[in-house]
Amino acid sequence: MSSGLRRLYEDLRGINVVVIYPPGEDRDIVVQQLQRIGCRMRTVWPFPSEPPGDADVIFFRVTQESDSKGHWTATDVGAALVALSDYESPTTLKLLLDTNAHGVLTRPFWPCPCRT
């Protein structure tokens, strides 16, 4: 492994990640992938009214059923926000735009075919 790649892995292992998503298979897939990378992470549910202050990256659920109560945007946090979206309906797209997320992953989430 090159020194640059080794440095990248070391940097990723130092990142604090919070996953805000209800328990279930989808959350498990996202969590397992982050664990493979080696990030320090924790899960939170239900959606907190305040953003986690100790996170470098926050993965969070956005769905049509999401209400605006308790949701915050990228301007409210110092962390990178990655939205986890159910699907691309006009309502969901509007919610995604409102969050100002730095990135979006859409379902279905697929487990890594690699072995650990």
PDB file of N, CA and C in Angstrom:
ATOM      1  N   MET A   1       0.848  -1.175   0.000  1.00  0.00           N
ATOM      2  CA  MET A   1       0.000   0.000   0.000  1.00  0.00           C
ATOM      3  C   MET A   1       0.894   1.238   0.000  1.00  0.00           C
ATOM      4  N   SER A   2       0.572   2.182  -0.865  1.00  0.00           N
ATOM      5  CA  SER A   2       1.366   3.406  -0.949  1.00  0.00           C
ATOM      6  C   SER A   2       1.173   4.248   0.306  1.00  0.00           C
ATOM      7  N   SER A   3       2.128   5.126   0.582  1.00  0.00           N
ATOM      8  CA  SER A   3       2.040   5.960   1.785  1.00  0.00           C
ATOM      9  C   SER A   3       0.842   6.908   1.707  1.00  0.00           C
ATOM     10  N   GLY A   4       0.491   7.389   0.482  1.00  0.00           N
ATOM     11  CA  GLY A   4      -0.676   8.260   0.329  1.00  0.00           C
ATOM     12  C   GLY A   4      -1.968   7.544   0.647  1.00  0.00           C
ATOM     13  N   LEU A   5      -2.089   6.310   0.182  1.00  0.00           N
ATOM     14  CA  LEU A   5      -3.288   5.515   0.462  1.00  0.00           C
ATOM     15  C   LEU A   5      -3.364   5.161   1.942  1.00  0.00           C
ATOM     16  N   ARG A   6      -2.223   4.831   2.526  1.00  0.00           N
ATOM     17  CA  ARG A   6      -2.183   4.515   3.958  1.00  0.00           C
ATOM     18  C   ARG A   6      -2.630   5.731   4.767  1.00  0.00           C
ATOM     19  N   ARG A   7      -2.166   6.907   4.372  1.00  0.00           N
ATOM     20  CA  ARG A   7      -2.534   8.152   5.062  1.00  0.00           C
ATOM     21  C   ARG A   7      -4.045   8.400   4.957  1.00  0.00           C
ATOM     22  N   LEU A   8      -4.624   8.130   3.774  1.00  0.00           N
ATOM     23  CA  LEU A   8      -6.062   8.296   3.578  1.00  0.00           C
ATOM     24  C   LEU A   8      -6.838   7.388   4.533  1.00  0.00           C
ATOM     25  N   TYR A   9      -6.443   6.124   4.628  1.00  0.00           N
ATOM     26  CA  TYR A   9      -7.119   5.194   5.539  1.00  0.00           C
ATOM     27  C   TYR A   9      -6.992   5.652   6.986  1.00  0.00           C
ATOM     28  N   GLU A  10      -5.830   6.136   7.368  1.00  0.00           N
ATOM     29  CA  GLU A  10      -5.640   6.631   8.733  1.00  0.00           C
ATOM     30  C   GLU A  10      -6.540   7.830   8.993  1.00  0.00           C
ATOM     31  N   ASP A  11      -6.638   8.732   8.014  1.00  0.00           N
ATOM     32  CA  ASP A  11      -7.511   9.897   8.164  1.00  0.00           C
ATOM     33  C   ASP A  11      -8.967   9.474   8.297  1.00  0.00           C
ATOM     34  N   LEU A  12      -9.411   8.514   7.479  1.00  0.00           N
ATOM     35  CA  LEU A  12     -10.802   8.062   7.538  1.00  0.00           C
ATOM     36  C   LEU A  12     -11.116   7.410   8.878  1.00  0.00           C
ATOM     37  N   ARG A  13     -10.172   6.703   9.441  1.00  0.00           N
ATOM     38  CA  ARG A  13     -10.387   6.040  10.730  1.00  0.00           C
ATOM     39  C   ARG A  13     -10.535   7.040  11.873  1.00  0.00           C
ATOM     40  N   GLY A  14     -10.103   8.265  11.668  1.00  0.00           N
ATOM     41  CA  GLY A  14     -10.225   9.285  12.692  1.00  0.00           C
ATOM     42  C   GLY A  14     -11.499  10.106  12.601  1.00  0.00           C
ATOM     43  N   ILE A  15     -12.307   9.844  11.601  1.00  0.00           N
ATOM     44  CA  ILE A  15     -13.524  10.620  11.395  1.00  0.00           C
ATOM     45  C   ILE A  15     -14.649  10.116  12.315  1.00  0.00           C
ATOM     46  N   ASN A  16     -15.359  11.058  12.932  1.00  0.00           N
ATOM     47  CA  ASN A  16     -16.538  10.730  13.737  1.00  0.00           C
ATOM     48  C   ASN A  16     -17.764  10.810  12.847  1.00  0.00           C
ATOM     49  N   VAL A  17     -18.450   9.675  12.684  1.00  0.00           N
ATOM     50  CA  VAL A  17     -19.617   9.589  11.820  1.00  0.00           C
ATOM     51  C   VAL A  17     -20.841   9.267  12.659  1.00  0.00           C
ATOM     52  N   VAL A  18     -21.938   9.957  12.371  1.00  0.00           N
ATOM     53  CA  VAL A  18     -23.225   9.664  12.999  1.00  0.00           C
ATOM     54  C   VAL A  18     -24.196   9.278  11.891  1.00  0.00           C
ATOM     55  N   VAL A  19     -24.905   8.169  12.086  1.00  0.00           N
ATOM     56  CA  VAL A  19     -25.926   7.717  11.144  1.00  0.00           C
ATOM     57  C   VAL A  19     -27.276   7.887  11.821  1.00  0.00           C
ATOM     58  N   ILE A  20     -28.109   8.750  11.240  1.00  0.00           N
ATOM     59  CA  ILE A  20     -29.452   9.012  11.781  1.00  0.00           C
ATOM     60  C   ILE A  20     -30.438   8.338  10.848  1.00  0.00           C
ATOM     61  N   TYR A  21     -30.858   7.143  11.244  1.00  0.00           N
ATOM     62  CA  TYR A  21     -31.698   6.311  10.390  1.00  0.00           C
ATOM     63  C   TYR A  21     -32.358   5.268  11.272  1.00  0.00           C
ATOM     64  N   PRO A  22     -33.622   4.911  11.000  1.00  0.00           N
ATOM     65  CA  PRO A  22     -34.282   3.918  11.853  1.00  0.00           C
ATOM     66  C   PRO A  22     -33.642   2.537  11.720  1.00  0.00           C
ATOM     67  N   PRO A  23     -33.730   1.725  12.772  1.00  0.00           N
ATOM     68  CA  PRO A  23     -33.169   0.376  12.708  1.00  0.00           C
ATOM     69  C   PRO A  23     -33.778  -0.425  11.561  1.00  0.00           C
ATOM     70  N   GLY A  24     -32.963  -1.310  10.996  1.00  0.00           N
ATOM     71  CA  GLY A  24     -33.435  -2.163   9.914  1.00  0.00           C
ATOM     72  C   GLY A  24     -32.317  -2.482   8.953  1.00  0.00           C
ATOM     73  N   GLU A  25     -32.662  -3.214   7.895  1.00  0.00           N
ATOM     74  CA  GLU A  25     -31.669  -3.686   6.938  1.00  0.00           C
ATOM     75  C   GLU A  25     -30.925  -2.550   6.250  1.00  0.00           C
ATOM     76  N   ASP A  26     -31.641  -1.493   5.864  1.00  0.00           N
ATOM     77  CA  ASP A  26     -30.980  -0.379   5.176  1.00  0.00           C
ATOM     78  C   ASP A  26     -29.922   0.264   6.069  1.00  0.00           C
ATOM     79  N   ARG A  27     -30.276   0.526   7.312  1.00  0.00           N
ATOM     80  CA  ARG A  27     -29.298   1.121   8.228  1.00  0.00           C
ATOM     81  C   ARG A  27     -28.124   0.165   8.434  1.00  0.00           C
ATOM     82  N   ASP A  28     -28.416  -1.120   8.576  1.00  0.00           N
ATOM     83  CA  ASP A  28     -27.351  -2.104   8.769  1.00  0.00           C
ATOM     84  C   ASP A  28     -26.347  -2.083   7.621  1.00  0.00           C
ATOM     85  N   ILE A  29     -26.838  -1.964   6.396  1.00  0.00           N
ATOM     86  CA  ILE A  29     -25.944  -1.938   5.227  1.00  0.00           C
ATOM     87  C   ILE A  29     -25.028  -0.715   5.278  1.00  0.00           C
ATOM     88  N   VAL A  30     -25.595   0.440   5.583  1.00  0.00           N
ATOM     89  CA  VAL A  30     -24.789   1.668   5.657  1.00  0.00           C
ATOM     90  C   VAL A  30     -23.772   1.558   6.793  1.00  0.00           C
ATOM     91  N   VAL A  31     -24.219   1.101   7.948  1.00  0.00           N
ATOM     92  CA  VAL A  31     -23.337   0.972   9.109  1.00  0.00           C
ATOM     93  C   VAL A  31     -22.209  -0.019   8.834  1.00  0.00           C
ATOM     94  N   GLN A  32     -22.523  -1.164   8.249  1.00  0.00           N
ATOM     95  CA  GLN A  32     -21.492  -2.160   7.964  1.00  0.00           C
ATOM     96  C   GLN A  32     -20.439  -1.604   7.003  1.00  0.00           C
ATOM     97  N   GLN A  33     -20.873  -0.837   6.021  1.00  0.00           N
ATOM     98  CA  GLN A  33     -19.918  -0.245   5.075  1.00  0.00           C
ATOM     99  C   GLN A  33     -18.999   0.740   5.790  1.00  0.00           C
ATOM    100  N   LEU A  34     -19.546   1.564   6.668  1.00  0.00           N
ATOM    101  CA  LEU A  34     -18.728   2.521   7.417  1.00  0.00           C
ATOM    102  C   LEU A  34     -17.777   1.800   8.367  1.00  0.00           C
ATOM    103  N   GLN A  35     -18.229   0.687   8.947  1.00  0.00           N
ATOM    104  CA  GLN A  35     -17.358  -0.096   9.821  1.00  0.00           C
ATOM    105  C   GLN A  35     -16.214  -0.716   9.032  1.00  0.00           C
ATOM    106  N   ARG A  36     -16.478  -1.152   7.802  1.00  0.00           N
ATOM    107  CA  ARG A  36     -15.410  -1.701   6.959  1.00  0.00           C
ATOM    108  C   ARG A  36     -14.318  -0.658   6.714  1.00  0.00           C
ATOM    109  N   ILE A  37     -14.740   0.584   6.530  1.00  0.00           N
ATOM    110  CA  ILE A  37     -13.783   1.670   6.318  1.00  0.00           C
ATOM    111  C   ILE A  37     -12.992   1.920   7.597  1.00  0.00           C
ATOM    112  N   GLY A  38     -13.637   1.709   8.732  1.00  0.00           N
ATOM    113  CA  GLY A  38     -12.969   1.893  10.016  1.00  0.00           C
ATOM    114  C   GLY A  38     -13.287   3.204  10.699  1.00  0.00           C
ATOM    115  N   CYS A  39     -14.330   3.889  10.238  1.00  0.00           N
ATOM    116  CA  CYS A  39     -14.720   5.150  10.861  1.00  0.00           C
ATOM    117  C   CYS A  39     -15.217   4.902  12.288  1.00  0.00           C
ATOM    118  N   ARG A  40     -15.012   5.884  13.142  1.00  0.00           N
ATOM    119  CA  ARG A  40     -15.637   5.854  14.466  1.00  0.00           C
ATOM    120  C   ARG A  40     -17.064   6.324  14.264  1.00  0.00           C
ATOM    121  N   MET A  41     -18.021   5.506  14.632  1.00  0.00           N
ATOM    122  CA  MET A  41     -19.395   5.879  14.320  1.00  0.00           C
ATOM    123  C   MET A  41     -20.364   5.428  15.383  1.00  0.00           C
ATOM    124  N   ARG A  42     -21.524   6.074  15.327  1.00  0.00           N
ATOM    125  CA  ARG A  42     -22.646   5.690  16.184  1.00  0.00           C
ATOM    126  C   ARG A  42     -23.942   5.939  15.439  1.00  0.00           C
ATOM    127  N   THR A  43     -24.987   5.269  15.883  1.00  0.00           N
ATOM    128  CA  THR A  43     -26.300   5.442  15.263  1.00  0.00           C
ATOM    129  C   THR A  43     -27.209   6.194  16.227  1.00  0.00           C
ATOM    130  N   VAL A  44     -28.154   6.920  15.642  1.00  0.00           N
ATOM    131  CA  VAL A  44     -29.122   7.702  16.409  1.00  0.00           C
ATOM    132  C   VAL A  44     -30.480   7.527  15.760  1.00  0.00           C
ATOM    133  N   TRP A  45     -31.493   7.281  16.556  1.00  0.00           N
ATOM    134  CA  TRP A  45     -32.882   7.314  16.104  1.00  0.00           C
ATOM    135  C   TRP A  45     -33.751   7.398  17.328  1.00  0.00           C
ATOM    136  N   PRO A  46     -34.737   8.233  17.403  1.00  0.00           N
ATOM    137  CA  PRO A  46     -35.331   9.020  16.323  1.00  0.00           C
ATOM    138  C   PRO A  46     -34.473  10.237  15.976  1.00  0.00           C
ATOM    139  N   PHE A  47     -34.916  10.921  14.913  1.00  0.00           N
ATOM    140  CA  PHE A  47     -34.205  12.094  14.417  1.00  0.00           C
ATOM    141  C   PHE A  47     -34.105  13.120  15.544  1.00  0.00           C
ATOM    142  N   PRO A  48     -32.893  13.549  15.895  1.00  0.00           N
ATOM    143  CA  PRO A  48     -32.738  14.500  17.003  1.00  0.00           C
ATOM    144  C   PRO A  48     -33.130  15.923  16.600  1.00  0.00           C
ATOM    145  N   SER A  49     -33.607  16.668  17.567  1.00  0.00           N
ATOM    146  CA  SER A  49     -33.991  18.053  17.275  1.00  0.00           C
ATOM    147  C   SER A  49     -32.763  18.933  17.067  1.00  0.00           C
ATOM    148  N   GLU A  50     -31.628  18.555  17.649  1.00  0.00           N
ATOM    149  CA  GLU A  50     -30.378  19.289  17.480  1.00  0.00           C
ATOM    150  C   GLU A  50     -29.372  18.384  16.770  1.00  0.00           C
ATOM    151  N   PRO A  51     -28.559  18.940  15.900  1.00  0.00           N
ATOM    152  CA  PRO A  51     -27.547  18.109  15.224  1.00  0.00           C
ATOM    153  C   PRO A  51     -26.483  17.642  16.213  1.00  0.00           C
ATOM    154  N   PRO A  52     -25.957  16.430  16.013  1.00  0.00           N
ATOM    155  CA  PRO A  52     -24.880  15.943  16.880  1.00  0.00           C
ATOM    156  C   PRO A  52     -23.660  16.859  16.751  1.00  0.00           C
ATOM    157  N   GLY A  53     -23.198  17.386  17.863  1.00  0.00           N
ATOM    158  CA  GLY A  53     -22.106  18.348  17.833  1.00  0.00           C
ATOM    159  C   GLY A  53     -20.734  17.738  17.647  1.00  0.00           C
ATOM    160  N   ASP A  54     -20.609  16.438  17.878  1.00  0.00           N
ATOM    161  CA  ASP A  54     -19.297  15.800  17.823  1.00  0.00           C
ATOM    162  C   ASP A  54     -19.022  15.100  16.494  1.00  0.00           C
ATOM    163  N   ALA A  55     -19.888  15.281  15.509  1.00  0.00           N
ATOM    164  CA  ALA A  55     -19.765  14.549  14.243  1.00  0.00           C
ATOM    165  C   ALA A  55     -18.974  15.340  13.203  1.00  0.00           C
ATOM    166  N   ASP A  56     -18.160  14.595  12.454  1.00  0.00           N
ATOM    167  CA  ASP A  56     -17.490  15.165  11.289  1.00  0.00           C
ATOM    168  C   ASP A  56     -18.341  14.960  10.040  1.00  0.00           C
ATOM    169  N   VAL A  57     -19.066  13.824  10.017  1.00  0.00           N
ATOM    170  CA  VAL A  57     -19.962  13.486   8.913  1.00  0.00           C
ATOM    171  C   VAL A  57     -21.256  12.953   9.509  1.00  0.00           C
ATOM    172  N   ILE A  58     -22.387  13.417   8.972  1.00  0.00           N
ATOM    173  CA  ILE A  58     -23.697  12.940   9.417  1.00  0.00           C
ATOM    174  C   ILE A  58     -24.443  12.376   8.212  1.00  0.00           C
ATOM    175  N   PHE A  59     -24.775  11.088   8.287  1.00  0.00           N
ATOM    176  CA  PHE A  59     -25.658  10.450   7.314  1.00  0.00           C
ATOM    177  C   PHE A  59     -27.047  10.494   7.928  1.00  0.00           C
ATOM    178  N   PHE A  60     -28.050  11.002   7.186  1.00  0.00           N
ATOM    179  CA  PHE A  60     -29.369  11.137   7.779  1.00  0.00           C
ATOM    180  C   PHE A  60     -30.464  10.808   6.776  1.00  0.00           C
ATOM    181  N   ARG A  61     -31.574  10.317   7.295  1.00  0.00           N
ATOM    182  CA  ARG A  61     -32.699   9.881   6.472  1.00  0.00           C
ATOM    183  C   ARG A  61     -33.552  11.064   6.025  1.00  0.00           C
ATOM    184  N   VAL A  62     -33.916  11.030   4.735  1.00  0.00           N
ATOM    185  CA  VAL A  62     -34.871  11.989   4.179  1.00  0.00           C
ATOM    186  C   VAL A  62     -35.910  11.185   3.408  1.00  0.00           C
ATOM    187  N   THR A  63     -37.180  11.327   3.775  1.00  0.00           N
ATOM    188  CA  THR A  63     -38.265  10.628   3.090  1.00  0.00           C
ATOM    189  C   THR A  63     -39.445  11.565   2.921  1.00  0.00           C
ATOM    190  N   GLN A  64     -40.400  11.137   2.109  1.00  0.00           N
ATOM    191  CA  GLN A  64     -41.634  11.909   1.953  1.00  0.00           C
ATOM    192  C   GLN A  64     -42.363  12.030   3.279  1.00  0.00           C
ATOM    193  N   GLU A  65     -42.212  11.032   4.126  1.00  0.00           N
ATOM    194  CA  GLU A  65     -42.895  11.042   5.413  1.00  0.00           C
ATOM    195  C   GLU A  65     -42.207  11.953   6.422  1.00  0.00           C
ATOM    196  N   SER A  66     -41.000  12.422   6.079  1.00  0.00           N
ATOM    197  CA  SER A  66     -40.288  13.319   6.985  1.00  0.00           C
ATOM    198  C   SER A  66     -41.088  14.598   7.141  1.00  0.00           C
ATOM    199  N   ASP A  67     -41.171  15.053   8.368  1.00  0.00           N
ATOM    200  CA  ASP A  67     -41.793  16.368   8.538  1.00  0.00           C
ATOM    201  C   ASP A  67     -40.684  17.366   8.835  1.00  0.00           C
ATOM    202  N   SER A  68     -40.978  18.605   8.717  1.00  0.00           N
ATOM    203  CA  SER A  68     -39.937  19.620   8.876  1.00  0.00           C
ATOM    204  C   SER A  68     -39.579  19.830  10.343  1.00  0.00           C
ATOM    205  N   LYS A  69     -40.390  19.343  11.260  1.00  0.00           N
ATOM    206  CA  LYS A  69     -40.134  19.510  12.682  1.00  0.00           C
ATOM    207  C   LYS A  69     -38.818  18.822  13.069  1.00  0.00           C
ATOM    208  N   GLY A  70     -37.905  19.560  13.661  1.00  0.00           N
ATOM    209  CA  GLY A  70     -36.674  18.983  14.155  1.00  0.00           C
ATOM    210  C   GLY A  70     -35.585  18.814  13.110  1.00  0.00           C
ATOM    211  N   HIS A  71     -35.867  19.107  11.846  1.00  0.00           N
ATOM    212  CA  HIS A  71     -34.824  18.957  10.838  1.00  0.00           C
ATOM    213  C   HIS A  71     -33.989  20.219  10.779  1.00  0.00           C
ATOM    214  N   TRP A  72     -32.742  20.045  10.490  1.00  0.00           N
ATOM    215  CA  TRP A  72     -31.800  21.143  10.394  1.00  0.00           C
ATOM    216  C   TRP A  72     -31.084  21.023   9.065  1.00  0.00           C
ATOM    217  N   THR A  73     -30.309  22.019   8.717  1.00  0.00           N
ATOM    218  CA  THR A  73     -29.675  22.056   7.396  1.00  0.00           C
ATOM    219  C   THR A  73     -28.158  22.146   7.542  1.00  0.00           C
ATOM    220  N   ALA A  74     -27.468  22.077   6.423  1.00  0.00           N
ATOM    221  CA  ALA A  74     -26.005  22.156   6.415  1.00  0.00           C
ATOM    222  C   ALA A  74     -25.512  23.457   7.028  1.00  0.00           C
ATOM    223  N   THR A  75     -26.302  24.503   6.960  1.00  0.00           N
ATOM    224  CA  THR A  75     -25.879  25.772   7.551  1.00  0.00           C
ATOM    225  C   THR A  75     -25.930  25.735   9.072  1.00  0.00           C
ATOM    226  N   ASP A  76     -26.609  24.729   9.651  1.00  0.00           N
ATOM    227  CA  ASP A  76     -26.727  24.601  11.101  1.00  0.00           C
ATOM    228  C   ASP A  76     -25.608  23.775  11.727  1.00  0.00           C
ATOM    229  N   VAL A  77     -24.818  23.094  10.923  1.00  0.00           N
ATOM    230  CA  VAL A  77     -23.821  22.171  11.462  1.00  0.00           C
ATOM    231  C   VAL A  77     -22.444  22.414  10.847  1.00  0.00           C
ATOM    232  N   GLY A  78     -21.423  21.971  11.549  1.00  0.00           N
ATOM    233  CA  GLY A  78     -20.070  22.051  11.023  1.00  0.00           C
ATOM    234  C   GLY A  78     -19.651  20.769  10.327  1.00  0.00           C
ATOM    235  N   ALA A  79     -20.526  19.777  10.322  1.00  0.00           N
ATOM    236  CA  ALA A  79     -20.219  18.472   9.733  1.00  0.00           C
ATOM    237  C   ALA A  79     -20.662  18.428   8.276  1.00  0.00           C
ATOM    238  N   ALA A  80     -20.094  17.486   7.545  1.00  0.00           N
ATOM    239  CA  ALA A  80     -20.578  17.205   6.194  1.00  0.00           C
ATOM    240  C   ALA A  80     -21.876  16.412   6.323  1.00  0.00           C
ATOM    241  N   LEU A  81     -22.895  16.795   5.576  1.00  0.00           N
ATOM    242  CA  LEU A  81     -24.190  16.107   5.620  1.00  0.00           C
ATOM    243  C   LEU A  81     -24.379  15.262   4.375  1.00  0.00           C
ATOM    244  N   VAL A  82     -24.731  13.992   4.581  1.00  0.00           N
ATOM    245  CA  VAL A  82     -25.034  13.089   3.487  1.00  0.00           C
ATOM    246  C   VAL A  82     -26.450  12.566   3.704  1.00  0.00           C
ATOM    247  N   ALA A  83     -27.349  12.938   2.808  1.00  0.00           N
ATOM    248  CA  ALA A  83     -28.738  12.521   2.918  1.00  0.00           C
ATOM    249  C   ALA A  83     -28.896  11.091   2.397  1.00  0.00           C
ATOM    250  N   LEU A  84     -29.693  10.298   3.102  1.00  0.00           N
ATOM    251  CA  LEU A  84     -30.044   8.941   2.692  1.00  0.00           C
ATOM    252  C   LEU A  84     -31.508   8.994   2.295  1.00  0.00           C
ATOM    253  N   SER A  85     -31.772   8.915   1.001  1.00  0.00           N
ATOM    254  CA  SER A  85     -33.109   9.163   0.474  1.00  0.00           C
ATOM    255  C   SER A  85     -33.789   7.888   0.021  1.00  0.00           C
ATOM    256  N   ASP A  86     -35.104   7.813   0.272  1.00  0.00           N
ATOM    257  CA  ASP A  86     -35.876   6.653  -0.153  1.00  0.00           C
ATOM    258  C   ASP A  86     -36.018   6.582  -1.665  1.00  0.00           C
ATOM    259  N   TYR A  87     -36.443   7.657  -2.277  1.00  0.00           N
ATOM    260  CA  TYR A  87     -36.548   7.693  -3.732  1.00  0.00           C
ATOM    261  C   TYR A  87     -36.768   9.125  -4.176  1.00  0.00           C
ATOM    262  N   GLU A  88     -36.727   9.331  -5.471  1.00  0.00           N
ATOM    263  CA  GLU A  88     -36.725  10.678  -6.013  1.00  0.00           C
ATOM    264  C   GLU A  88     -38.103  11.116  -6.475  1.00  0.00           C
ATOM    265  N   SER A  89     -38.960  11.468  -5.536  1.00  0.00           N
ATOM    266  CA  SER A  89     -40.234  12.075  -5.886  1.00  0.00           C
ATOM    267  C   SER A  89     -40.056  13.591  -5.785  1.00  0.00           C
ATOM    268  N   PRO A  90     -40.948  14.362  -6.370  1.00  0.00           N
ATOM    269  CA  PRO A  90     -40.823  15.822  -6.246  1.00  0.00           C
ATOM    270  C   PRO A  90     -40.794  16.290  -4.791  1.00  0.00           C
ATOM    271  N   THR A  91     -41.580  15.663  -3.927  1.00  0.00           N
ATOM    272  CA  THR A  91     -41.601  16.046  -2.516  1.00  0.00           C
ATOM    273  C   THR A  91     -40.262  15.748  -1.857  1.00  0.00           C
ATOM    274  N   THR A  92     -39.715  14.568  -2.122  1.00  0.00           N
ATOM    275  CA  THR A  92     -38.425  14.189  -1.545  1.00  0.00           C
ATOM    276  C   THR A  92     -37.316  15.079  -2.088  1.00  0.00           C
ATOM    277  N   LEU A  93     -37.347  15.378  -3.377  1.00  0.00           N
ATOM    278  CA  LEU A  93     -36.326  16.262  -3.946  1.00  0.00           C
ATOM    279  C   LEU A  93     -36.368  17.644  -3.297  1.00  0.00           C
ATOM    280  N   LYS A  94     -37.559  18.146  -3.027  1.00  0.00           N
ATOM    281  CA  LYS A  94     -37.693  19.439  -2.345  1.00  0.00           C
ATOM    282  C   LYS A  94     -37.102  19.362  -0.949  1.00  0.00           C
ATOM    283  N   LEU A  95     -37.390  18.275  -0.227  1.00  0.00           N
ATOM    284  CA  LEU A  95     -36.817  18.099   1.111  1.00  0.00           C
ATOM    285  C   LEU A  95     -35.287  18.038   1.048  1.00  0.00           C
ATOM    286  N   LEU A  96     -34.765  17.318   0.050  1.00  0.00           N
ATOM    287  CA  LEU A  96     -33.315  17.232  -0.112  1.00  0.00           C
ATOM    288  C   LEU A  96     -32.701  18.606  -0.359  1.00  0.00           C
ATOM    289  N   LEU A  97     -33.326  19.381  -1.230  1.00  0.00           N
ATOM    290  CA  LEU A  97     -32.829  20.732  -1.500  1.00  0.00           C
ATOM    291  C   LEU A  97     -32.865  21.590  -0.245  1.00  0.00           C
ATOM    292  N   ASP A  98     -33.914  21.438   0.545  1.00  0.00           N
ATOM    293  CA  ASP A  98     -34.055  22.232   1.769  1.00  0.00           C
ATOM    294  C   ASP A  98     -32.963  21.932   2.795  1.00  0.00           C
ATOM    295  N   THR A  99     -32.418  20.712   2.783  1.00  0.00           N
ATOM    296  CA  THR A  99     -31.381  20.355   3.757  1.00  0.00           C
ATOM    297  C   THR A  99     -30.013  20.934   3.398  1.00  0.00           C
ATOM    298  N   ASN A 100     -29.823  21.289   2.132  1.00  0.00           N
ATOM    299  CA  ASN A 100     -28.510  21.741   1.657  1.00  0.00           C
ATOM    300  C   ASN A 100     -27.437  20.682   1.899  1.00  0.00           C
ATOM    301  N   ALA A 101     -27.822  19.416   1.827  1.00  0.00           N
ATOM    302  CA  ALA A 101     -26.871  18.324   2.052  1.00  0.00           C
ATOM    303  C   ALA A 101     -25.700  18.418   1.080  1.00  0.00           C
ATOM    304  N   HIS A 102     -24.555  17.982   1.545  1.00  0.00           N
ATOM    305  CA  HIS A 102     -23.353  17.975   0.716  1.00  0.00           C
ATOM    306  C   HIS A 102     -23.338  16.799  -0.247  1.00  0.00           C
ATOM    307  N   GLY A 103     -24.114  15.762   0.059  1.00  0.00           N
ATOM    308  CA  GLY A 103     -24.186  14.581  -0.788  1.00  0.00           C
ATOM    309  C   GLY A 103     -25.475  13.831  -0.540  1.00  0.00           C
ATOM    310  N   VAL A 104     -25.825  12.944  -1.469  1.00  0.00           N
ATOM    311  CA  VAL A 104     -27.056  12.157  -1.372  1.00  0.00           C
ATOM    312  C   VAL A 104     -26.773  10.728  -1.822  1.00  0.00           C
ATOM    313  N   LEU A 105     -27.246   9.765  -1.052  1.00  0.00           N
ATOM    314  CA  LEU A 105     -27.253   8.352  -1.445  1.00  0.00           C
ATOM    315  C   LEU A 105     -28.713   7.932  -1.512  1.00  0.00           C
ATOM    316  N   THR A 106     -29.102   7.278  -2.598  1.00  0.00           N
ATOM    317  CA  THR A 106     -30.492   6.849  -2.722  1.00  0.00           C
ATOM    318  C   THR A 106     -30.606   5.334  -2.595  1.00  0.00           C
ATOM    319  N   ARG A 107     -31.751   4.918  -2.063  1.00  0.00           N
ATOM    320  CA  ARG A 107     -32.041   3.495  -1.950  1.00  0.00           C
ATOM    321  C   ARG A 107     -32.274   2.924  -3.326  1.00  0.00           C
ATOM    322  N   PRO A 108     -32.030   1.668  -3.527  1.00  0.00           N
ATOM    323  CA  PRO A 108     -31.627   0.710  -2.502  1.00  0.00           C
ATOM    324  C   PRO A 108     -30.140   0.817  -2.207  1.00  0.00           C
ATOM    325  N   PHE A 109     -29.793   0.599  -0.935  1.00  0.00           N
ATOM    326  CA  PHE A 109     -28.400   0.525  -0.530  1.00  0.00           C
ATOM    327  C   PHE A 109     -27.970  -0.924  -0.724  1.00  0.00           C
ATOM    328  N   TRP A 110     -26.786  -1.117  -1.245  1.00  0.00           N
ATOM    329  CA  TRP A 110     -26.298  -2.470  -1.526  1.00  0.00           C
ATOM    330  C   TRP A 110     -25.126  -2.802  -0.634  1.00  0.00           C
ATOM    331  N   PRO A 111     -25.131  -3.996  -0.052  1.00  0.00           N
ATOM    332  CA  PRO A 111     -23.978  -4.389   0.750  1.00  0.00           C
ATOM    333  C   PRO A 111     -22.750  -4.582  -0.119  1.00  0.00           C
ATOM    334  N   CYS A 112     -21.620  -4.364   0.447  1.00  0.00           N
ATOM    335  CA  CYS A 112     -20.358  -4.543  -0.270  1.00  0.00           C
ATOM    336  C   CYS A 112     -20.171  -6.045  -0.546  1.00  0.00           C
ATOM    337  N   PRO A 113     -19.859  -6.420  -1.789  1.00  0.00           N
ATOM    338  CA  PRO A 113     -19.656  -7.827  -2.088  1.00  0.00           C
ATOM    339  C   PRO A 113     -18.294  -8.342  -1.602  1.00  0.00           C
ATOM    340  N   CYS A 114     -17.470  -7.423  -1.108  1.00  0.00           N
ATOM    341  CA  CYS A 114     -16.128  -7.835  -0.684  1.00  0.00           C
ATOM    342  C   CYS A 114     -16.192  -8.546   0.663  1.00  0.00           C
ATOM    343  N   ARG A 115     -15.162  -9.254   0.943  1.00  0.00           N
ATOM    344  CA  ARG A 115     -15.056  -9.948   2.233  1.00  0.00           C
ATOM    345  C   ARG A 115     -14.197  -9.123   3.151  1.00  0.00           C
ATOM    346  N   THR A 116     -14.528  -9.173   4.438  1.00  0.00           N
ATOM    347  CA  THR A 116     -13.737  -8.435   5.426  1.00  0.00           C
ATOM    348  C   THR A 116     -12.842  -9.362   6.185  1.00  0.00           C
TER     349      THR A 116
END
